Protein backbone atom coordinates (compact mmCIF):
# COMPACT_ATOMS: atom_id res chain seq x y z
CA UNK A 1 79.52 125.64 95.01
CA UNK A 2 82.55 123.60 94.91
CA UNK A 3 86.05 125.19 95.61
CA UNK A 4 88.75 123.97 94.35
CA UNK A 5 91.86 124.37 96.52
CA UNK A 6 95.18 124.09 94.53
CA UNK A 7 98.70 125.32 95.98
CA UNK A 8 101.55 125.88 93.77
CA UNK A 9 105.28 126.54 94.23
CA UNK A 10 107.58 126.30 91.06
CA UNK A 11 104.96 123.97 89.41
CA UNK A 12 105.46 125.48 85.86
CA UNK A 13 106.16 121.91 84.17
CA UNK A 14 102.57 120.50 85.02
CA UNK A 15 100.18 123.21 86.28
CA UNK A 16 98.73 124.22 83.11
CA UNK A 17 97.44 120.62 82.40
CA UNK A 18 96.17 120.45 86.20
CA UNK A 19 94.11 123.79 85.45
CA UNK A 20 92.82 122.26 82.21
CA UNK A 21 91.56 119.19 83.86
CA UNK A 22 89.61 121.32 86.40
CA UNK A 23 88.20 123.59 83.59
CA UNK A 24 87.10 120.43 81.86
CA UNK A 25 84.59 119.46 84.48
CA UNK A 26 81.05 118.32 83.74
CA UNK A 27 80.08 120.00 86.86
CA UNK A 28 80.32 123.73 86.23
CA UNK A 29 79.48 125.23 89.51
CA UNK A 30 82.92 125.66 91.11
CA UNK A 31 85.61 128.17 91.74
CA UNK A 32 89.29 127.48 91.45
CA UNK A 33 91.35 128.97 94.07
CA UNK A 34 95.13 128.93 93.52
CA UNK A 35 97.41 129.81 96.31
CA UNK A 36 100.88 130.36 94.92
CA UNK A 37 103.37 129.53 97.66
CA UNK A 38 106.29 132.09 96.42
CA UNK A 39 107.01 130.61 92.95
CA UNK A 40 110.30 131.72 91.24
CA UNK A 41 109.67 130.07 87.99
CA UNK A 42 106.76 130.81 85.45
CA UNK A 43 104.01 129.21 87.43
CA UNK A 44 102.09 132.52 88.01
CA UNK A 45 102.64 133.46 84.40
CA UNK A 46 101.20 130.50 83.11
CA UNK A 47 98.01 130.58 85.53
CA UNK A 48 97.49 134.24 84.43
CA UNK A 49 96.94 133.12 80.63
CA UNK A 50 93.90 131.37 81.56
CA UNK A 51 90.92 133.94 81.16
CA UNK A 52 88.30 132.18 83.16
CA UNK A 53 86.18 134.17 86.04
CA UNK A 54 86.27 130.79 88.05
CA UNK A 55 89.89 131.11 88.80
CA UNK A 56 91.18 133.13 91.50
CA UNK A 57 95.00 133.44 91.97
CA UNK A 58 96.26 134.42 95.26
CA UNK A 59 100.09 135.28 95.31
CA UNK A 60 100.88 134.50 99.07
CA UNK A 61 104.68 134.91 98.85
CA UNK A 62 106.61 131.91 100.65
CA UNK A 63 104.34 131.07 103.49
CA UNK A 64 104.94 127.10 103.65
CA UNK A 65 102.28 124.33 102.43
CA UNK A 66 100.30 124.37 105.51
CA UNK A 67 99.73 128.05 105.69
CA UNK A 68 99.05 128.54 102.05
CA UNK A 69 96.15 125.45 102.28
CA UNK A 70 94.85 126.98 105.19
CA UNK A 71 94.60 130.35 103.45
CA UNK A 72 93.10 128.54 100.49
CA UNK A 73 90.50 127.17 102.95
CA UNK A 74 89.65 130.42 104.28
CA UNK A 75 89.30 132.13 100.77
CA UNK A 76 87.04 129.06 99.57
CA UNK A 77 83.09 130.00 99.44
CA UNK A 78 81.72 126.70 98.42
CA UNK A 79 79.77 124.09 100.20
CA UNK A 80 82.38 121.52 99.10
CA UNK A 81 86.27 121.73 99.14
CA UNK A 82 88.08 119.68 96.21
CA UNK A 83 91.80 119.52 96.60
CA UNK A 84 94.06 119.30 93.79
CA UNK A 85 97.90 119.23 93.61
CA UNK A 86 99.55 121.31 90.73
CA UNK A 87 100.95 118.44 88.98
CA UNK A 88 98.04 116.00 89.20
CA UNK A 89 94.73 115.85 86.85
CA UNK A 90 91.04 115.04 87.53
CA UNK A 91 88.76 112.93 85.54
CA UNK A 92 86.19 115.35 83.85
CA UNK A 93 83.37 113.90 85.83
CA UNK A 94 85.17 113.90 88.99
CA UNK A 95 83.12 116.87 90.63
CA UNK A 96 79.98 115.37 89.45
CA UNK A 97 80.41 111.98 90.99
CA UNK A 98 81.86 113.20 94.40
CA UNK A 99 79.52 115.64 94.74
CA UNK A 100 76.34 113.32 93.83
CA UNK A 101 78.06 110.79 96.36
CA UNK A 102 78.24 113.45 99.16
CA UNK A 103 74.35 113.95 98.54
CA UNK A 104 73.57 110.18 98.88
CA UNK A 105 75.75 109.49 101.92
CA UNK A 106 75.17 112.60 104.06
CA UNK A 107 76.68 110.74 106.98
CA UNK A 108 80.30 111.19 105.46
CA UNK A 109 82.20 114.38 105.84
CA UNK A 110 84.75 113.71 102.95
CA UNK A 111 84.96 111.38 100.05
CA UNK A 112 87.85 110.24 98.21
CA UNK A 113 88.71 107.79 95.43
CA UNK A 114 90.91 105.28 94.51
CA UNK A 115 93.93 106.40 92.65
CA UNK A 116 95.15 105.82 88.93
CA UNK A 117 98.66 106.86 89.00
CA UNK A 118 100.61 107.69 86.10
CA UNK A 119 104.33 108.14 85.33
CA UNK A 120 105.92 111.47 84.80
CA UNK A 121 105.17 112.75 81.21
CA UNK A 122 102.71 110.07 80.42
CA UNK A 123 99.19 110.47 79.84
CA UNK A 124 96.74 108.42 82.06
CA UNK A 125 94.17 106.62 80.48
CA UNK A 126 90.89 106.64 82.57
CA UNK A 127 89.39 103.25 83.31
CA UNK A 128 85.50 103.08 82.00
CA UNK A 129 82.87 103.26 84.75
CA UNK A 130 79.29 103.31 85.24
CA UNK A 131 78.10 106.77 86.23
CA UNK A 132 75.45 105.29 88.63
CA UNK A 133 77.84 102.86 90.40
CA UNK A 134 80.12 105.42 90.88
CA UNK A 135 77.88 107.87 92.83
CA UNK A 136 76.09 105.04 94.79
CA UNK A 137 78.99 103.05 96.64
CA UNK A 138 81.33 104.26 99.49
CA UNK A 139 83.47 102.26 101.83
CA UNK A 140 84.89 103.76 105.17
CA UNK A 141 88.68 103.98 105.19
CA UNK A 142 89.10 103.79 108.79
CA UNK A 143 91.21 100.38 108.99
CA UNK A 144 93.32 101.33 106.07
CA UNK A 145 94.59 104.68 107.83
CA UNK A 146 96.12 102.52 110.55
CA UNK A 147 98.36 100.69 108.17
CA UNK A 148 99.35 103.54 105.94
CA UNK A 149 97.91 106.70 104.12
CA UNK A 150 95.38 105.29 101.44
CA UNK A 151 94.15 108.57 100.51
CA UNK A 152 95.70 111.00 97.90
CA UNK A 153 95.48 114.15 98.38
CA UNK A 154 94.11 114.96 94.77
CA UNK A 155 91.08 113.09 95.65
CA UNK A 156 89.87 114.75 98.53
CA UNK A 157 86.58 116.11 98.29
CA UNK A 158 85.20 117.38 101.82
CA UNK A 159 82.53 119.32 103.35
CA UNK A 160 83.49 122.97 103.79
CA UNK A 161 82.02 122.75 107.53
CA UNK A 162 84.10 119.56 108.44
CA UNK A 163 87.12 121.77 107.43
CA UNK A 164 86.16 124.22 109.91
CA UNK A 165 85.20 121.96 112.54
CA UNK A 166 88.74 120.60 112.51
CA UNK A 167 90.34 123.78 111.98
CA UNK A 168 91.92 122.84 108.37
CA UNK A 169 95.75 121.72 108.18
CA UNK A 170 98.08 121.37 111.40
CA UNK A 171 100.55 124.37 110.49
CA UNK A 172 103.16 122.87 113.04
CA UNK A 173 103.73 119.94 110.73
CA UNK A 174 106.21 120.04 107.90
CA UNK A 175 105.06 116.80 106.00
CA UNK A 176 102.06 114.34 105.62
CA UNK A 177 99.73 117.01 106.18
CA UNK A 178 96.96 115.26 104.60
CA UNK A 179 97.25 111.70 106.59
CA UNK A 180 97.28 114.06 109.61
CA UNK A 181 94.14 115.57 108.44
CA UNK A 182 92.21 112.12 107.66
CA UNK A 183 93.00 110.96 111.27
CA UNK A 184 91.63 114.34 112.81
CA UNK A 185 88.50 113.66 110.98
CA UNK A 186 87.84 110.71 112.68
CA UNK A 187 89.30 112.06 116.10
CA UNK A 188 86.31 114.63 115.43
CA UNK A 189 83.69 112.30 115.25
CA UNK A 190 83.63 112.53 111.23
CA UNK A 191 83.69 109.76 108.59
CA UNK A 192 85.95 109.48 105.38
CA UNK A 193 84.58 107.25 102.61
CA UNK A 194 86.23 106.02 99.22
CA UNK A 195 84.73 105.57 95.88
CA UNK A 196 85.10 102.14 94.10
CA UNK A 197 86.16 104.11 91.01
CA UNK A 198 89.24 106.40 90.21
CA UNK A 199 88.56 110.06 89.67
CA UNK A 200 91.92 111.62 90.34
CA UNK A 201 95.20 110.77 88.74
CA UNK A 202 98.50 111.04 90.55
CA UNK A 203 101.45 111.96 88.60
CA UNK A 204 104.48 110.17 90.08
CA UNK A 205 107.78 111.97 89.46
CA UNK A 206 111.02 112.56 91.36
CA UNK A 207 110.63 116.01 92.49
CA UNK A 208 107.48 115.75 94.70
CA UNK A 209 107.77 116.98 98.06
CA UNK A 210 108.59 113.82 100.08
CA UNK A 211 111.20 113.07 97.78
CA UNK A 212 113.17 116.15 98.10
CA UNK A 213 113.17 116.42 101.80
CA UNK A 214 115.10 114.89 104.60
CA UNK A 215 114.04 111.26 104.35
CA UNK A 216 114.71 109.95 107.81
CA UNK A 217 113.00 112.75 109.28
CA UNK A 218 110.14 111.97 106.81
CA UNK A 219 109.97 108.29 107.67
CA UNK A 220 110.17 108.60 111.33
CA UNK A 221 107.21 111.10 111.13
CA UNK A 222 105.23 108.85 109.33
CA UNK A 223 106.02 106.12 111.94
CA UNK A 224 104.61 108.32 114.64
CA UNK A 225 101.59 109.31 112.41
CA UNK A 226 100.85 105.76 111.97
CA UNK A 227 101.09 104.80 115.43
CA UNK A 228 98.68 107.57 116.36
CA UNK A 229 96.28 106.70 114.01
CA UNK A 230 96.22 103.10 115.31
CA UNK A 231 95.86 104.42 119.01
CA UNK A 232 93.16 107.06 118.01
CA UNK A 233 91.21 104.83 115.45
CA UNK A 234 90.90 101.68 117.86
CA UNK A 235 93.49 99.34 116.23
CA UNK A 236 95.67 96.98 118.31
CA UNK A 237 98.83 94.86 118.41
CA UNK A 238 97.90 93.29 115.10
CA UNK A 239 98.65 96.77 113.64
CA UNK A 240 101.63 97.98 115.42
CA UNK A 241 103.43 94.81 114.44
CA UNK A 242 103.55 95.89 110.96
CA UNK A 243 105.37 99.41 111.91
CA UNK A 244 108.95 97.84 111.33
CA UNK A 245 107.55 96.64 107.86
CA UNK A 246 106.33 99.99 106.82
CA UNK A 247 109.41 101.79 108.25
CA UNK A 248 111.80 99.35 106.33
CA UNK A 249 109.70 100.06 102.81
CA UNK A 250 109.96 103.71 103.39
CA UNK A 251 113.83 103.74 103.61
CA UNK A 252 114.15 101.99 100.50
CA UNK A 253 116.32 103.61 98.01
CA UNK A 254 114.52 106.16 95.95
CA UNK A 255 114.77 104.35 92.59
CA UNK A 256 113.38 101.22 93.97
CA UNK A 257 110.64 103.09 95.64
CA UNK A 258 109.81 104.67 92.52
CA UNK A 259 109.69 101.15 90.67
CA UNK A 260 107.27 99.71 93.53
CA UNK A 261 104.89 102.98 93.06
CA UNK A 262 104.79 102.54 89.58
CA UNK A 263 104.22 98.59 89.45
CA UNK A 264 101.81 98.64 92.24
CA UNK A 265 99.92 101.45 90.97
CA UNK A 266 99.28 100.08 87.71
CA UNK A 267 97.83 97.21 89.04
CA UNK A 268 96.02 98.46 92.34
CA UNK A 269 95.12 101.83 92.14
CA UNK A 270 94.10 102.20 95.96
CA UNK A 271 96.90 102.99 97.65
CA UNK A 272 99.76 105.71 98.42
CA UNK A 273 103.08 105.23 100.16
């Protein structure tokens, strides 16, 4: 079984679409565990309107993202855990493809996909792909992790035993929990592979967490994490010289970064800030 892990906090604008994209999966053997992190809007009411026994809503109160994620990991009963943000969408064949890839490549502990991003209220138009090709090709993301976070959290599909081995998410972190998680997979001798085709869609909008937080602190934390990834994954001087470049980009004004994201993602659905 697949356990879909979704956390929500004041996600009333998008969570219905997110849940619908899960219920539309061609792979029916899943549960959807939604941990609500103290929403004060209509998020809970919207989730309760879905009368499907595969959906489990846990009203956790305001405990923070990392604790909410770990609560979801503990509540998950599946062999695999599929992460899904409350404002994003999944391709109808996402779970089918990712589960088949994990069966074919048992040496990988997690699989992600290139991202097809869409802006705010747009509707993603999924690119066509051959199902067999999608299932049978994975590439190691180790090198990319030393440059930036190449993985969009929504596309993560990980073995439950791997999450237990690395003890889930680091609750001492206030941001970039996903990048830290991927680095710790490698630090524990595990591997993360990327599909060649996009099966998750990231919604780019101004209300995302990292856009609302303290920008400088977020950027500095990213530089420290990137440097740690370089050190842990065997990168050298050629990787470290790029740190100032990434710092400069991350400090660009919000509107400029949003424009870059929209332009870049529309051409290259394989990267994240």
